[in-house]
Amino acid sequence: MTTQHTLISTVKTTIAFSFLFLFLGAIQLTAQTDTRIYDIIDAVSADRIKNDVKTLADFGTRHTLSDTVSQTRGIGAARRWIKGQFEATSKNCNGCLEVSYQKDLVEKGRNGRITKDVEVVNVVAIQRGTKYPNRYIIMSGDIDSRVSDPTDYTSDSPGANDNASGMAGTIEAARVLSKYKFENSIIYVGLSGEEQGLFGGQGLAAFAKAKKWDIIGILNNDMIGNITGVDGVIDNRSFRIFSEPVPPTETERQRNARRFYGGEVDGISRQLARYIHKTVKTYMPEMNPMMIYRLDRFGRGGHHRPFNDAGFPGIRIMEAHENYTQQHQDIRT
């Protein structure tokens, strides 16, 4: 098996478990297992994922501050292509997806990585639930990429793993799950501005609050394609589930009660992580989900955090063995 094929197979198996929560969280089951979930897993296409990762990498750079006019390069071209993929999926399911942009202006100087005014644009596709259309499960991937210098928005930054892999997984989820109906709504979203300060997630979380969305889970897919770690370990079955213990929005009364009764690891995000872990072991026993009892890696951040900050349950899914020499790097031989 070639390295490339193994990597794509990893993306396929890793995003498949995310489908499990989307499916189980959106319907009522009366048995211990549901054979339709196996059909969903089998429908995931390694070839489609491979092509999507390559297409996203071929935009050259997807830096948040990069070109928005070109049809072939920059984040503008990338987000238009993503929107087109969601629209094509919607056409194949008789208009079952509501596809749109969600935008926020981030002004120059907001932080050291915003060197000019920029419109941070998320690509959103909503699949309405049949019974609870205002209750949402969100599956996200990041659109943007970067090189070593986070303010360099012109150099090539293909970002195949970070995070074309997660974005391709989200696009594939929409293709597969759009063929089914669910009681709850599902949102497939490409988030922008992650590398510049998690601005896309902040914008969508604020939008969700304003619209009074009932969000019951955010699955953030961030770097799900790498199988060879910097430690030399090759593993295409293990992945990490990051979750914080308790929401930062808990009140003083809730905090005191937690100290008295316990429950330091029973927050809504941690429960979501446990649910995913259990479901994966039920339906995909060959996979090795690893519960990581942290919001994220040391000193790093992901797009689930803005939703956690707003009080929503959210977790990060990513590969188990990172290769730090291939993250946020300039292109070189």
C-alpha atoms as a PDB file:
ATOM      1  CA  MET A   1       0.000   0.000   0.000  1.00  0.00           C
ATOM      2  CA  THR A   2       1.468   3.370  -0.977  1.00  0.00           C
ATOM      3  CA  THR A   3       1.931   6.136   1.562  1.00  0.00           C
ATOM      4  CA  GLN A   4      -0.558   8.309  -0.329  1.00  0.00           C
ATOM      5  CA  HIS A   5      -3.197   5.591  -0.397  1.00  0.00           C
ATOM      6  CA  THR A   6      -2.673   4.874   3.280  1.00  0.00           C
ATOM      7  CA  LEU A   7      -3.065   8.566   4.123  1.00  0.00           C
ATOM      8  CA  ILE A   8      -6.317   8.813   2.186  1.00  0.00           C
ATOM      9  CA  SER A   9      -7.583   5.644   3.854  1.00  0.00           C
ATOM     10  CA  THR A  10      -6.804   7.247   7.192  1.00  0.00           C
ATOM     11  CA  VAL A  11      -8.870  10.283   6.321  1.00  0.00           C
ATOM     12  CA  LYS A  12     -11.710   8.008   5.261  1.00  0.00           C
ATOM     13  CA  THR A  13     -11.743   5.963   8.455  1.00  0.00           C
ATOM     14  CA  THR A  14     -11.195   8.978  10.686  1.00  0.00           C
ATOM     15  CA  ILE A  15     -14.090  11.025   9.315  1.00  0.00           C
ATOM     16  CA  ALA A  16     -16.314   7.973   9.226  1.00  0.00           C
ATOM     17  CA  PHE A  17     -16.549   7.877  12.999  1.00  0.00           C
ATOM     18  CA  SER A  18     -17.693  11.494  12.973  1.00  0.00           C
ATOM     19  CA  PHE A  19     -20.646  10.377  10.896  1.00  0.00           C
ATOM     20  CA  LEU A  20     -21.631   8.080  13.729  1.00  0.00           C
ATOM     21  CA  PHE A  21     -22.366  10.939  16.094  1.00  0.00           C
ATOM     22  CA  LEU A  22     -24.084  12.946  13.382  1.00  0.00           C
ATOM     23  CA  PHE A  23     -26.304   9.991  12.621  1.00  0.00           C
ATOM     24  CA  LEU A  24     -26.988   8.750  16.119  1.00  0.00           C
ATOM     25  CA  GLY A  25     -27.468  12.234  17.517  1.00  0.00           C
ATOM     26  CA  ALA A  26     -30.075  13.022  14.920  1.00  0.00           C
ATOM     27  CA  ILE A  27     -32.422  10.020  15.164  1.00  0.00           C
ATOM     28  CA  GLN A  28     -34.067   7.943  17.853  1.00  0.00           C
ATOM     29  CA  LEU A  29     -32.853   4.343  17.929  1.00  0.00           C
ATOM     30  CA  THR A  30     -34.704   1.497  19.577  1.00  0.00           C
ATOM     31  CA  ALA A  31     -31.966  -1.135  19.203  1.00  0.00           C
ATOM     32  CA  GLN A  32     -28.371  -1.315  20.351  1.00  0.00           C
ATOM     33  CA  THR A  33     -27.030  -0.865  16.813  1.00  0.00           C
ATOM     34  CA  ASP A  34     -28.352   0.356  13.501  1.00  0.00           C
ATOM     35  CA  THR A  35     -27.136  -1.311  10.306  1.00  0.00           C
ATOM     36  CA  ARG A  36     -27.638   1.897   8.307  1.00  0.00           C
ATOM     37  CA  ILE A  37     -24.531   3.314   9.954  1.00  0.00           C
ATOM     38  CA  TYR A  38     -22.466   0.603   8.257  1.00  0.00           C
ATOM     39  CA  ASP A  39     -23.956   1.736   4.943  1.00  0.00           C
ATOM     40  CA  ILE A  40     -22.878   5.290   5.738  1.00  0.00           C
ATOM     41  CA  ILE A  41     -19.326   4.183   6.533  1.00  0.00           C
ATOM     42  CA  ASP A  42     -19.118   2.147   3.322  1.00  0.00           C
ATOM     43  CA  ALA A  43     -20.330   5.121   1.268  1.00  0.00           C
ATOM     44  CA  VAL A  44     -17.304   7.246   2.176  1.00  0.00           C
ATOM     45  CA  SER A  45     -15.120   7.558  -0.921  1.00  0.00           C
ATOM     46  CA  ALA A  46     -11.323   7.631  -0.584  1.00  0.00           C
ATOM     47  CA  ASP A  47     -11.042   8.851  -4.173  1.00  0.00           C
ATOM     48  CA  ARG A  48     -13.345  11.827  -3.567  1.00  0.00           C
ATOM     49  CA  ILE A  49     -11.433  12.770  -0.425  1.00  0.00           C
ATOM     50  CA  LYS A  50      -8.112  12.480  -2.239  1.00  0.00           C
ATOM     51  CA  ASN A  51      -9.349  14.700  -5.061  1.00  0.00           C
ATOM     52  CA  ASP A  52     -10.738  17.280  -2.640  1.00  0.00           C
ATOM     53  CA  VAL A  53      -7.477  17.482  -0.682  1.00  0.00           C
ATOM     54  CA  LYS A  54      -5.534  17.928  -3.922  1.00  0.00           C
ATOM     55  CA  THR A  55      -7.931  20.600  -5.216  1.00  0.00           C
ATOM     56  CA  LEU A  56      -7.650  22.601  -1.995  1.00  0.00           C
ATOM     57  CA  ALA A  57      -3.849  22.303  -1.946  1.00  0.00           C
ATOM     58  CA  ASP A  58      -3.694  23.408  -5.588  1.00  0.00           C
ATOM     59  CA  PHE A  59      -5.092  26.837  -4.712  1.00  0.00           C
ATOM     60  CA  GLY A  60      -1.515  27.615  -3.697  1.00  0.00           C
ATOM     61  CA  THR A  61      -2.352  29.453  -0.521  1.00  0.00           C
ATOM     62  CA  ARG A  62      -5.566  29.716   1.441  1.00  0.00           C
ATOM     63  CA  HIS A  63      -4.266  32.306   3.874  1.00  0.00           C
ATOM     64  CA  THR A  64      -7.101  34.384   5.335  1.00  0.00           C
ATOM     65  CA  LEU A  65      -5.570  37.601   3.942  1.00  0.00           C
ATOM     66  CA  SER A  66      -4.741  36.120   0.523  1.00  0.00           C
ATOM     67  CA  ASP A  67      -6.211  36.884  -2.909  1.00  0.00           C
ATOM     68  CA  THR A  68     -10.005  36.883  -3.127  1.00  0.00           C
ATOM     69  CA  VAL A  69     -10.361  37.815  -6.821  1.00  0.00           C
ATOM     70  CA  SER A  70      -8.410  35.116  -8.620  1.00  0.00           C
ATOM     71  CA  GLN A  71     -10.336  32.070  -9.802  1.00  0.00           C
ATOM     72  CA  THR A  72      -7.384  29.748  -9.256  1.00  0.00           C
ATOM     73  CA  ARG A  73      -5.388  31.027  -6.269  1.00  0.00           C
ATOM     74  CA  GLY A  74      -6.118  32.236  -2.764  1.00  0.00           C
ATOM     75  CA  ILE A  75      -8.834  31.878  -0.180  1.00  0.00           C
ATOM     76  CA  GLY A  76     -11.465  33.518  -2.349  1.00  0.00           C
ATOM     77  CA  ALA A  77     -11.159  30.841  -5.018  1.00  0.00           C
ATOM     78  CA  ALA A  78     -11.061  28.134  -2.339  1.00  0.00           C
ATOM     79  CA  ARG A  79     -14.234  29.219  -0.571  1.00  0.00           C
ATOM     80  CA  ARG A  80     -16.095  29.622  -3.867  1.00  0.00           C
ATOM     81  CA  TRP A  81     -15.090  26.084  -4.800  1.00  0.00           C
ATOM     82  CA  ILE A  82     -16.244  24.775  -1.407  1.00  0.00           C
ATOM     83  CA  LYS A  83     -19.561  26.580  -1.799  1.00  0.00           C
ATOM     84  CA  GLY A  84     -19.876  25.008  -5.240  1.00  0.00           C
ATOM     85  CA  GLN A  85     -19.333  21.540  -3.785  1.00  0.00           C
ATOM     86  CA  PHE A  86     -22.055  22.082  -1.202  1.00  0.00           C
ATOM     87  CA  GLU A  87     -24.383  23.411  -3.917  1.00  0.00           C
ATOM     88  CA  ALA A  88     -23.701  20.387  -6.117  1.00  0.00           C
ATOM     89  CA  THR A  89     -24.501  18.101  -3.190  1.00  0.00           C
ATOM     90  CA  SER A  90     -27.702  20.038  -2.543  1.00  0.00           C
ATOM     91  CA  LYS A  91     -28.715  19.653  -6.182  1.00  0.00           C
ATOM     92  CA  ASN A  92     -28.293  15.894  -5.868  1.00  0.00           C
ATOM     93  CA  CYS A  93     -30.636  15.783  -2.857  1.00  0.00           C
ATOM     94  CA  ASN A  94     -33.361  18.010  -4.316  1.00  0.00           C
ATOM     95  CA  GLY A  95     -32.203  21.169  -2.579  1.00  0.00           C
ATOM     96  CA  CYS A  96     -31.827  19.640   0.883  1.00  0.00           C
ATOM     97  CA  LEU A  97     -28.950  21.979   1.819  1.00  0.00           C
ATOM     98  CA  GLU A  98     -29.238  25.702   2.508  1.00  0.00           C
ATOM     99  CA  VAL A  99     -25.876  27.007   1.292  1.00  0.00           C
ATOM    100  CA  SER A 100     -24.631  30.486   2.148  1.00  0.00           C
ATOM    101  CA  TYR A 101     -21.736  32.612   3.347  1.00  0.00           C
ATOM    102  CA  GLN A 102     -21.496  33.909   6.899  1.00  0.00           C
ATOM    103  CA  LYS A 103     -19.224  36.973   7.050  1.00  0.00           C
ATOM    104  CA  ASP A 104     -17.570  39.250   9.578  1.00  0.00           C
ATOM    105  CA  LEU A 105     -15.189  42.164   9.047  1.00  0.00           C
ATOM    106  CA  VAL A 106     -12.009  41.886  11.101  1.00  0.00           C
ATOM    107  CA  GLU A 107     -10.150  45.168  11.211  1.00  0.00           C
ATOM    108  CA  LYS A 108      -6.417  45.691  10.917  1.00  0.00           C
ATOM    109  CA  GLY A 109      -4.643  45.529  14.251  1.00  0.00           C
ATOM    110  CA  ARG A 110      -7.189  43.240  15.902  1.00  0.00           C
ATOM    111  CA  ASN A 111      -4.092  41.209  16.723  1.00  0.00           C
ATOM    112  CA  GLY A 112      -0.583  40.942  15.350  1.00  0.00           C
ATOM    113  CA  ARG A 113      -1.671  38.578  12.594  1.00  0.00           C
ATOM    114  CA  ILE A 114      -4.279  40.889  11.070  1.00  0.00           C
ATOM    115  CA  THR A 115      -2.176  43.295   8.990  1.00  0.00           C
ATOM    116  CA  LYS A 116      -5.069  44.687   6.956  1.00  0.00           C
ATOM    117  CA  ASP A 117      -8.833  44.828   7.137  1.00  0.00           C
ATOM    118  CA  VAL A 118     -10.210  41.495   6.032  1.00  0.00           C
ATOM    119  CA  GLU A 119     -13.614  39.921   5.601  1.00  0.00           C
ATOM    120  CA  VAL A 120     -13.579  36.516   7.278  1.00  0.00           C
ATOM    121  CA  VAL A 121     -16.005  34.344   5.323  1.00  0.00           C
ATOM    122  CA  ASN A 122     -17.377  30.973   6.411  1.00  0.00           C
ATOM    123  CA  VAL A 123     -19.119  28.618   3.992  1.00  0.00           C
ATOM    124  CA  VAL A 124     -22.235  27.147   5.605  1.00  0.00           C
ATOM    125  CA  ALA A 125     -24.527  24.338   4.433  1.00  0.00           C
ATOM    126  CA  ILE A 126     -27.557  23.515   6.593  1.00  0.00           C
ATOM    127  CA  GLN A 127     -29.462  20.251   6.308  1.00  0.00           C
ATOM    128  CA  ARG A 128     -32.729  20.891   8.141  1.00  0.00           C
ATOM    129  CA  GLY A 129     -34.043  18.371  10.597  1.00  0.00           C
ATOM    130  CA  THR A 130     -37.506  16.990  10.122  1.00  0.00           C
ATOM    131  CA  LYS A 131     -38.589  17.417  13.756  1.00  0.00           C
ATOM    132  CA  TYR A 132     -36.158  19.882  15.376  1.00  0.00           C
ATOM    133  CA  PRO A 133     -35.014  22.272  12.639  1.00  0.00           C
ATOM    134  CA  ASN A 134     -33.498  24.707  15.163  1.00  0.00           C
ATOM    135  CA  ARG A 135     -31.417  22.044  16.949  1.00  0.00           C
ATOM    136  CA  TYR A 136     -28.009  21.640  15.332  1.00  0.00           C
ATOM    137  CA  ILE A 137     -25.049  19.313  15.080  1.00  0.00           C
ATOM    138  CA  ILE A 138     -22.081  21.058  13.463  1.00  0.00           C
ATOM    139  CA  MET A 139     -19.302  19.361  11.523  1.00  0.00           C
ATOM    140  CA  SER A 140     -16.491  21.752  10.642  1.00  0.00           C
ATOM    141  CA  GLY A 141     -13.172  21.984   8.863  1.00  0.00           C
ATOM    142  CA  ASP A 142     -10.857  24.951   8.389  1.00  0.00           C
ATOM    143  CA  ILE A 143     -10.441  26.577   4.989  1.00  0.00           C
ATOM    144  CA  ASP A 144      -7.302  28.622   5.661  1.00  0.00           C
ATOM    145  CA  SER A 145      -3.618  27.711   5.651  1.00  0.00           C
ATOM    146  CA  ARG A 146      -0.317  29.447   6.478  1.00  0.00           C
ATOM    147  CA  VAL A 147       3.487  29.242   6.277  1.00  0.00           C
ATOM    148  CA  SER A 148       5.992  29.892   9.074  1.00  0.00           C
ATOM    149  CA  ASP A 149       5.260  33.626   9.170  1.00  0.00           C
ATOM    150  CA  PRO A 150       1.553  33.953  10.017  1.00  0.00           C
ATOM    151  CA  THR A 151       1.430  37.373   8.316  1.00  0.00           C
ATOM    152  CA  ASP A 152       2.803  36.068   4.985  1.00  0.00           C
ATOM    153  CA  TYR A 153      -0.261  35.790   2.788  1.00  0.00           C
ATOM    154  CA  THR A 154       1.429  35.490  -0.633  1.00  0.00           C
ATOM    155  CA  SER A 155       3.829  32.530  -0.339  1.00  0.00           C
ATOM    156  CA  ASP A 156       2.685  29.045  -1.286  1.00  0.00           C
ATOM    157  CA  SER A 157       0.932  27.321   1.610  1.00  0.00           C
ATOM    158  CA  PRO A 158      -0.849  24.207   0.263  1.00  0.00           C
ATOM    159  CA  GLY A 159      -1.875  22.938   3.708  1.00  0.00           C
ATOM    160  CA  ALA A 160      -2.833  19.448   2.573  1.00  0.00           C
ATOM    161  CA  ASN A 161      -3.098  18.079   6.090  1.00  0.00           C
ATOM    162  CA  ASP A 162      -3.630  21.399   7.904  1.00  0.00           C
ATOM    163  CA  ASN A 163      -6.394  21.567   7.081  1.00  0.00           C
ATOM    164  CA  ALA A 164      -7.472  20.434   3.649  1.00  0.00           C
ATOM    165  CA  SER A 165      -7.921  17.000   5.240  1.00  0.00           C
ATOM    166  CA  GLY A 166     -10.525  18.264   7.705  1.00  0.00           C
ATOM    167  CA  MET A 167     -12.278  20.363   5.067  1.00  0.00           C
ATOM    168  CA  ALA A 168     -12.393  17.396   2.671  1.00  0.00           C
ATOM    169  CA  GLY A 169     -13.874  15.295   5.454  1.00  0.00           C
ATOM    170  CA  THR A 170     -16.620  17.853   6.011  1.00  0.00           C
ATOM    171  CA  ILE A 171     -17.428  18.025   2.293  1.00  0.00           C
ATOM    172  CA  GLU A 172     -17.585  14.234   2.125  1.00  0.00           C
ATOM    173  CA  ALA A 173     -19.842  14.131   5.179  1.00  0.00           C
ATOM    174  CA  ALA A 174     -22.291  16.410   3.379  1.00  0.00           C
ATOM    175  CA  ARG A 175     -22.261  14.209   0.282  1.00  0.00           C
ATOM    176  CA  VAL A 176     -22.972  11.038   2.240  1.00  0.00           C
ATOM    177  CA  LEU A 177     -25.340  12.240   4.962  1.00  0.00           C
ATOM    178  CA  SER A 178     -27.437  14.396   2.628  1.00  0.00           C
ATOM    179  CA  LYS A 179     -28.955  11.163   1.328  1.00  0.00           C
ATOM    180  CA  TYR A 180     -30.624  10.607   4.714  1.00  0.00           C
ATOM    181  CA  LYS A 181     -33.216  12.457   6.770  1.00  0.00           C
ATOM    182  CA  PHE A 182     -32.680  13.328  10.425  1.00  0.00           C
ATOM    183  CA  GLU A 183     -34.794  14.759  13.218  1.00  0.00           C
ATOM    184  CA  ASN A 184     -32.135  17.362  14.081  1.00  0.00           C
ATOM    185  CA  SER A 185     -30.416  19.742  11.707  1.00  0.00           C
ATOM    186  CA  ILE A 186     -26.822  19.261  10.577  1.00  0.00           C
ATOM    187  CA  ILE A 187     -24.516  22.123   9.647  1.00  0.00           C
ATOM    188  CA  TYR A 188     -21.508  21.423   7.446  1.00  0.00           C
ATOM    189  CA  VAL A 189     -19.175  24.398   7.541  1.00  0.00           C
ATOM    190  CA  GLY A 190     -15.831  25.575   6.257  1.00  0.00           C
ATOM    191  CA  LEU A 191     -14.443  28.036   8.803  1.00  0.00           C
ATOM    192  CA  SER A 192     -11.963  30.777   7.912  1.00  0.00           C
ATOM    193  CA  GLY A 193      -9.466  32.758   9.947  1.00  0.00           C
ATOM    194  CA  GLU A 194      -8.368  29.882  12.176  1.00  0.00           C
ATOM    195  CA  GLU A 195      -4.658  30.566  11.778  1.00  0.00           C
ATOM    196  CA  GLN A 196      -5.143  34.287  12.407  1.00  0.00           C
ATOM    197  CA  GLY A 197      -6.994  33.954  15.706  1.00  0.00           C
ATOM    198  CA  LEU A 198     -10.000  31.596  15.401  1.00  0.00           C
ATOM    199  CA  PHE A 199     -12.061  34.399  13.873  1.00  0.00           C
ATOM    200  CA  GLY A 200     -14.316  32.203  11.733  1.00  0.00           C
ATOM    201  CA  GLY A 201     -15.427  30.168  14.711  1.00  0.00           C
ATOM    202  CA  GLN A 202     -15.931  33.287  16.786  1.00  0.00           C
ATOM    203  CA  GLY A 203     -18.119  34.788  14.080  1.00  0.00           C
ATOM    204  CA  LEU A 204     -20.269  31.702  13.615  1.00  0.00           C
ATOM    205  CA  ALA A 205     -20.615  31.146  17.373  1.00  0.00           C
ATOM    206  CA  ALA A 206     -21.800  34.738  17.812  1.00  0.00           C
ATOM    207  CA  PHE A 207     -24.176  34.294  14.864  1.00  0.00           C
ATOM    208  CA  ALA A 208     -25.547  31.120  16.460  1.00  0.00           C
ATOM    209  CA  LYS A 209     -26.119  32.949  19.740  1.00  0.00           C
ATOM    210  CA  ALA A 210     -27.904  35.805  17.978  1.00  0.00           C
ATOM    211  CA  LYS A 211     -30.130  33.361  16.066  1.00  0.00           C
ATOM    212  CA  LYS A 212     -30.762  31.335  19.269  1.00  0.00           C
ATOM    213  CA  TRP A 213     -29.541  28.122  17.691  1.00  0.00           C
ATOM    214  CA  ASP A 214     -29.737  25.080  19.953  1.00  0.00           C
ATOM    215  CA  ILE A 215     -26.331  23.523  19.272  1.00  0.00           C
ATOM    216  CA  ILE A 216     -25.971  20.048  20.754  1.00  0.00           C
ATOM    217  CA  GLY A 217     -22.514  19.259  19.427  1.00  0.00           C
ATOM    218  CA  ILE A 218     -19.597  20.633  17.418  1.00  0.00           C
ATOM    219  CA  LEU A 219     -17.199  18.180  15.777  1.00  0.00           C
ATOM    220  CA  ASN A 220     -14.127  20.095  14.635  1.00  0.00           C
ATOM    221  CA  ASN A 221     -11.972  18.098  12.224  1.00  0.00           C
ATOM    222  CA  ASP A 222      -8.481  19.595  12.295  1.00  0.00           C
ATOM    223  CA  MET A 223      -5.547  17.663  10.819  1.00  0.00           C
ATOM    224  CA  ILE A 224      -7.015  14.204  10.333  1.00  0.00           C
ATOM    225  CA  GLY A 225      -4.846  12.954   7.458  1.00  0.00           C
ATOM    226  CA  ASN A 226      -1.303  12.416   8.719  1.00  0.00           C
ATOM    227  CA  ILE A 227      -0.193   8.874   9.649  1.00  0.00           C
ATOM    228  CA  THR A 228       3.564   9.268  10.173  1.00  0.00           C
ATOM    229  CA  GLY A 229       4.548  11.100  13.331  1.00  0.00           C
ATOM    230  CA  VAL A 230       7.697  13.073  13.990  1.00  0.00           C
ATOM    231  CA  ASP A 231       8.517  10.233  16.396  1.00  0.00           C
ATOM    232  CA  GLY A 232       8.646   7.802  13.453  1.00  0.00           C
ATOM    233  CA  VAL A 233       5.481   5.964  14.442  1.00  0.00           C
ATOM    234  CA  ILE A 234       3.225   5.013  11.517  1.00  0.00           C
ATOM    235  CA  ASP A 235      -0.402   4.535  12.560  1.00  0.00           C
ATOM    236  CA  ASN A 236      -3.519   4.894  10.446  1.00  0.00           C
ATOM    237  CA  ARG A 237      -6.016   3.743  13.048  1.00  0.00           C
ATOM    238  CA  SER A 238      -5.486   5.978  16.083  1.00  0.00           C
ATOM    239  CA  PHE A 239      -6.910   9.454  16.540  1.00  0.00           C
ATOM    240  CA  ARG A 240      -7.380  11.866  19.411  1.00  0.00           C
ATOM    241  CA  ILE A 241     -10.569  13.382  20.789  1.00  0.00           C
ATOM    242  CA  PHE A 242      -9.827  16.608  22.657  1.00  0.00           C
ATOM    243  CA  SER A 243     -12.407  17.892  25.119  1.00  0.00           C
ATOM    244  CA  GLU A 244     -12.450  20.352  27.991  1.00  0.00           C
ATOM    245  CA  PRO A 245     -13.766  19.151  31.399  1.00  0.00           C
ATOM    246  CA  VAL A 246     -16.367  21.825  32.164  1.00  0.00           C
ATOM    247  CA  PRO A 247     -17.696  24.788  30.173  1.00  0.00           C
ATOM    248  CA  PRO A 248     -16.124  28.184  30.898  1.00  0.00           C
ATOM    249  CA  THR A 249     -19.603  29.659  31.147  1.00  0.00           C
ATOM    250  CA  GLU A 250     -20.565  27.824  34.314  1.00  0.00           C
ATOM    251  CA  THR A 251     -21.901  30.036  37.090  1.00  0.00           C
ATOM    252  CA  GLU A 252     -20.388  30.409  40.549  1.00  0.00           C
ATOM    253  CA  ARG A 253     -23.234  28.332  41.922  1.00  0.00           C
ATOM    254  CA  GLN A 254     -22.554  25.569  39.421  1.00  0.00           C
ATOM    255  CA  ARG A 255     -18.851  25.712  40.193  1.00  0.00           C
ATOM    256  CA  ASN A 256     -19.460  25.351  43.921  1.00  0.00           C
ATOM    257  CA  ALA A 257     -21.838  22.468  43.355  1.00  0.00           C
ATOM    258  CA  ARG A 258     -19.299  20.740  41.159  1.00  0.00           C
ATOM    259  CA  ARG A 259     -16.639  21.049  43.852  1.00  0.00           C
ATOM    260  CA  PHE A 260     -19.025  19.584  46.431  1.00  0.00           C
ATOM    261  CA  TYR A 261     -20.513  16.751  44.383  1.00  0.00           C
ATOM    262  CA  GLY A 262     -17.598  16.080  42.019  1.00  0.00           C
ATOM    263  CA  GLY A 263     -18.088  15.983  38.276  1.00  0.00           C
ATOM    264  CA  GLU A 264     -14.863  17.702  37.252  1.00  0.00           C
ATOM    265  CA  VAL A 265     -14.801  15.585  34.105  1.00  0.00           C
ATOM    266  CA  ASP A 266     -18.532  15.514  33.417  1.00  0.00           C
ATOM    267  CA  GLY A 267     -18.960  18.707  31.410  1.00  0.00           C
ATOM    268  CA  ILE A 268     -20.979  18.778  28.203  1.00  0.00           C
ATOM    269  CA  SER A 269     -17.939  18.582  25.916  1.00  0.00           C
ATOM    270  CA  ARG A 270     -16.414  15.720  27.874  1.00  0.00           C
ATOM    271  CA  GLN A 271     -19.710  13.815  27.707  1.00  0.00           C
ATOM    272  CA  LEU A 272     -19.779  14.400  23.947  1.00  0.00           C
ATOM    273  CA  ALA A 273     -16.249  13.007  23.678  1.00  0.00           C
ATOM    274  CA  ARG A 274     -17.220   9.916  25.679  1.00  0.00           C
ATOM    275  CA  TYR A 275     -20.245   9.374  23.460  1.00  0.00           C
ATOM    276  CA  ILE A 276     -18.087   9.500  20.343  1.00  0.00           C
ATOM    277  CA  HIS A 277     -15.522   7.154  21.872  1.00  0.00           C
ATOM    278  CA  LYS A 278     -18.151   4.580  22.814  1.00  0.00           C
ATOM    279  CA  THR A 279     -19.907   4.784  19.458  1.00  0.00           C
ATOM    280  CA  VAL A 280     -16.693   4.361  17.487  1.00  0.00           C
ATOM    281  CA  LYS A 281     -15.766   1.259  19.485  1.00  0.00           C
ATOM    282  CA  THR A 282     -19.224  -0.137  18.784  1.00  0.00           C
ATOM    283  CA  TYR A 283     -19.333   0.445  15.035  1.00  0.00           C
ATOM    284  CA  MET A 284     -15.649   0.648  14.081  1.00  0.00           C
ATOM    285  CA  PRO A 285     -13.764  -1.591  16.546  1.00  0.00           C
ATOM    286  CA  GLU A 286     -10.674  -1.530  14.324  1.00  0.00           C
ATOM    287  CA  MET A 287     -10.209   2.157  15.151  1.00  0.00           C
ATOM    288  CA  ASN A 288      -8.384   3.395  18.237  1.00  0.00           C
ATOM    289  CA  PRO A 289     -10.051   6.567  19.577  1.00  0.00           C
ATOM    290  CA  MET A 290      -7.967   8.248  22.280  1.00  0.00           C
ATOM    291  CA  MET A 291      -9.639  10.466  24.857  1.00  0.00           C
ATOM    292  CA  ILE A 292      -7.432  13.480  25.590  1.00  0.00           C
ATOM    293  CA  TYR A 293      -8.527  15.307  28.722  1.00  0.00           C
ATOM    294  CA  ARG A 294      -7.600  18.781  27.501  1.00  0.00           C
ATOM    295  CA  LEU A 295      -9.201  21.543  25.470  1.00  0.00           C
ATOM    296  CA  ASP A 296      -6.386  21.215  22.916  1.00  0.00           C
ATOM    297  CA  ARG A 297      -2.656  20.551  22.614  1.00  0.00           C
ATOM    298  CA  PHE A 298      -0.237  22.578  24.735  1.00  0.00           C
ATOM    299  CA  GLY A 299      -0.143  26.155  23.512  1.00  0.00           C
ATOM    300  CA  ARG A 300      -2.283  25.423  20.448  1.00  0.00           C
ATOM    301  CA  GLY A 301      -5.861  26.165  19.520  1.00  0.00           C
ATOM    302  CA  GLY A 302      -8.661  24.902  17.316  1.00  0.00           C
ATOM    303  CA  HIS A 303     -11.976  26.105  15.995  1.00  0.00           C
ATOM    304  CA  HIS A 304     -14.010  24.199  18.568  1.00  0.00           C
ATOM    305  CA  ARG A 305     -12.759  26.625  21.221  1.00  0.00           C
ATOM    306  CA  PRO A 306     -14.876  29.658  20.251  1.00  0.00           C
ATOM    307  CA  PHE A 307     -17.975  27.476  20.509  1.00  0.00           C
ATOM    308  CA  ASN A 308     -16.826  26.189  23.905  1.00  0.00           C
ATOM    309  CA  ASP A 309     -16.264  29.804  24.955  1.00  0.00           C
ATOM    310  CA  ALA A 310     -19.895  30.495  24.048  1.00  0.00           C
ATOM    311  CA  GLY A 311     -21.079  27.574  26.181  1.00  0.00           C
ATOM    312  CA  PHE A 312     -21.663  25.011  23.418  1.00  0.00           C
ATOM    313  CA  PRO A 313     -20.408  21.404  23.621  1.00  0.00           C
ATOM    314  CA  GLY A 314     -17.580  20.889  21.157  1.00  0.00           C
ATOM    315  CA  ILE A 315     -14.599  18.624  20.606  1.00  0.00           C
ATOM    316  CA  ARG A 316     -11.554  18.453  18.343  1.00  0.00           C
ATOM    317  CA  ILE A 317     -10.788  15.385  16.254  1.00  0.00           C
ATOM    318  CA  MET A 318      -7.229  14.966  14.979  1.00  0.00           C
ATOM    319  CA  GLU A 319      -4.539  12.464  14.153  1.00  0.00           C
ATOM    320  CA  ALA A 320      -2.679  10.771  16.987  1.00  0.00           C
ATOM    321  CA  HIS A 321       0.868  11.186  15.669  1.00  0.00           C
ATOM    322  CA  GLU A 322       1.724  14.709  14.577  1.00  0.00           C
ATOM    323  CA  ASN A 323       4.624  15.687  12.351  1.00  0.00           C
ATOM    324  CA  TYR A 324       5.604  19.118  13.599  1.00  0.00           C
ATOM    325  CA  THR A 325       8.158  19.581  10.804  1.00  0.00           C
ATOM    326  CA  GLN A 326       5.268  19.728   8.339  1.00  0.00           C
ATOM    327  CA  GLN A 327       3.032  22.206  10.156  1.00  0.00           C
ATOM    328  CA  HIS A 328       3.068  25.956   9.469  1.00  0.00           C
ATOM    329  CA  GLN A 329       6.225  25.555   7.369  1.00  0.00           C
ATOM    330  CA  ASP A 330       7.650  27.277   4.298  1.00  0.00           C
ATOM    331  CA  ILE A 331       7.784  25.087   1.204  1.00  0.00           C
ATOM    332  CA  ARG A 332      11.256  23.568   0.858  1.00  0.00           C
ATOM    333  CA  THR A 333      13.052  20.455  -0.348  1.00  0.00           C
END
